[in-house]
Amino acid sequence: MQFRKQQVEIDEELLKYIAKETEGKYFRATDNTELKAIYDEIDKLEKTKIEEFKYYNYQEIYDVWCY
């Protein structure tokens, strides 16, 4: 597997504006060190527990024979 730097054109001002308007935060990493720091910051954010329900639908695929 081969990696290479790729030129990326983004509208940073727009992304920052969207983050501000939605009370979010804008992140941009240009190397692995910055990416690690961003992940560390995201990990510190509030974690909300979500209650999850699982439902199962069982279907009999054979009949029991009674004699």
Protein backbone atom coordinates (compact mmCIF):
# COMPACT_ATOMS: atom_id res chain seq x y z
CA MET A 1 0.00 0.00 0.00
CA GLN A 2 1.34 3.38 -0.93
CA PHE A 3 0.44 6.75 0.59
CA ARG A 4 1.08 10.18 -0.80
CA LYS A 5 0.11 13.73 0.04
CA GLN A 6 -2.90 14.94 -1.85
CA GLN A 7 -3.72 18.57 -2.52
CA VAL A 8 -7.13 19.35 -1.04
CA GLU A 9 -9.13 22.45 -1.76
CA ILE A 10 -11.70 23.22 0.92
CA ASP A 11 -13.58 26.34 1.91
CA GLU A 12 -12.23 26.67 5.45
CA GLU A 13 -14.09 29.91 6.11
CA LEU A 14 -17.39 28.25 5.24
CA LEU A 15 -16.63 25.22 7.40
CA LYS A 16 -15.70 27.48 10.32
CA TYR A 17 -18.91 29.47 9.79
CA ILE A 18 -21.01 26.28 9.79
CA ALA A 19 -19.31 25.09 12.97
CA LYS A 20 -19.96 28.44 14.67
CA GLU A 21 -23.61 28.62 13.57
CA THR A 22 -24.33 25.05 14.69
CA GLU A 23 -22.41 25.50 17.96
CA GLY A 24 -19.96 22.89 16.79
CA LYS A 25 -16.24 22.93 16.38
CA TYR A 26 -14.08 22.94 13.28
CA PHE A 27 -11.06 20.63 13.12
CA ARG A 28 -8.38 20.37 10.47
CA ALA A 29 -5.34 18.14 10.60
CA THR A 30 -2.49 18.42 8.15
CA ASP A 31 -0.32 15.72 9.71
CA ASN A 32 -0.56 12.71 12.02
CA THR A 33 0.42 14.69 15.12
CA GLU A 34 -2.42 17.18 14.60
CA LEU A 35 -4.83 14.34 13.86
CA LYS A 36 -3.88 12.60 17.12
CA ALA A 37 -4.44 15.86 19.04
CA ILE A 38 -7.86 16.28 17.41
CA TYR A 39 -8.88 12.73 18.35
CA ASP A 40 -7.70 13.35 21.93
CA GLU A 41 -9.81 16.52 22.11
CA ILE A 42 -12.87 14.76 20.70
CA ASP A 43 -12.43 11.96 23.26
CA LYS A 44 -12.68 14.57 26.05
CA LEU A 45 -16.08 15.78 24.88
CA GLU A 46 -19.26 14.84 26.72
CA LYS A 47 -20.22 11.24 26.31
CA THR A 48 -23.93 10.53 26.46
CA LYS A 49 -25.10 7.03 27.20
CA ILE A 50 -27.71 5.76 24.80
CA GLU A 51 -30.19 3.11 25.82
CA GLU A 52 -30.50 0.49 23.14
CA PHE A 53 -33.29 -2.01 22.60
CA LYS A 54 -32.89 -5.11 20.51
CA TYR A 55 -35.82 -6.99 19.07
CA TYR A 56 -35.57 -10.38 17.49
CA ASN A 57 -38.00 -11.91 15.04
CA TYR A 58 -37.91 -15.69 15.22
CA GLN A 59 -39.52 -17.85 12.61
CA GLU A 60 -39.95 -21.61 12.93
CA ILE A 61 -38.59 -23.31 9.84
CA TYR A 62 -39.85 -26.82 10.58
CA ASP A 63 -42.89 -28.42 12.25
CA VAL A 64 -42.66 -30.84 15.14
CA TRP A 65 -44.31 -34.16 14.27
CA CYS A 66 -46.47 -35.73 16.97
CA TYR A 67 -47.57 -39.39 16.76
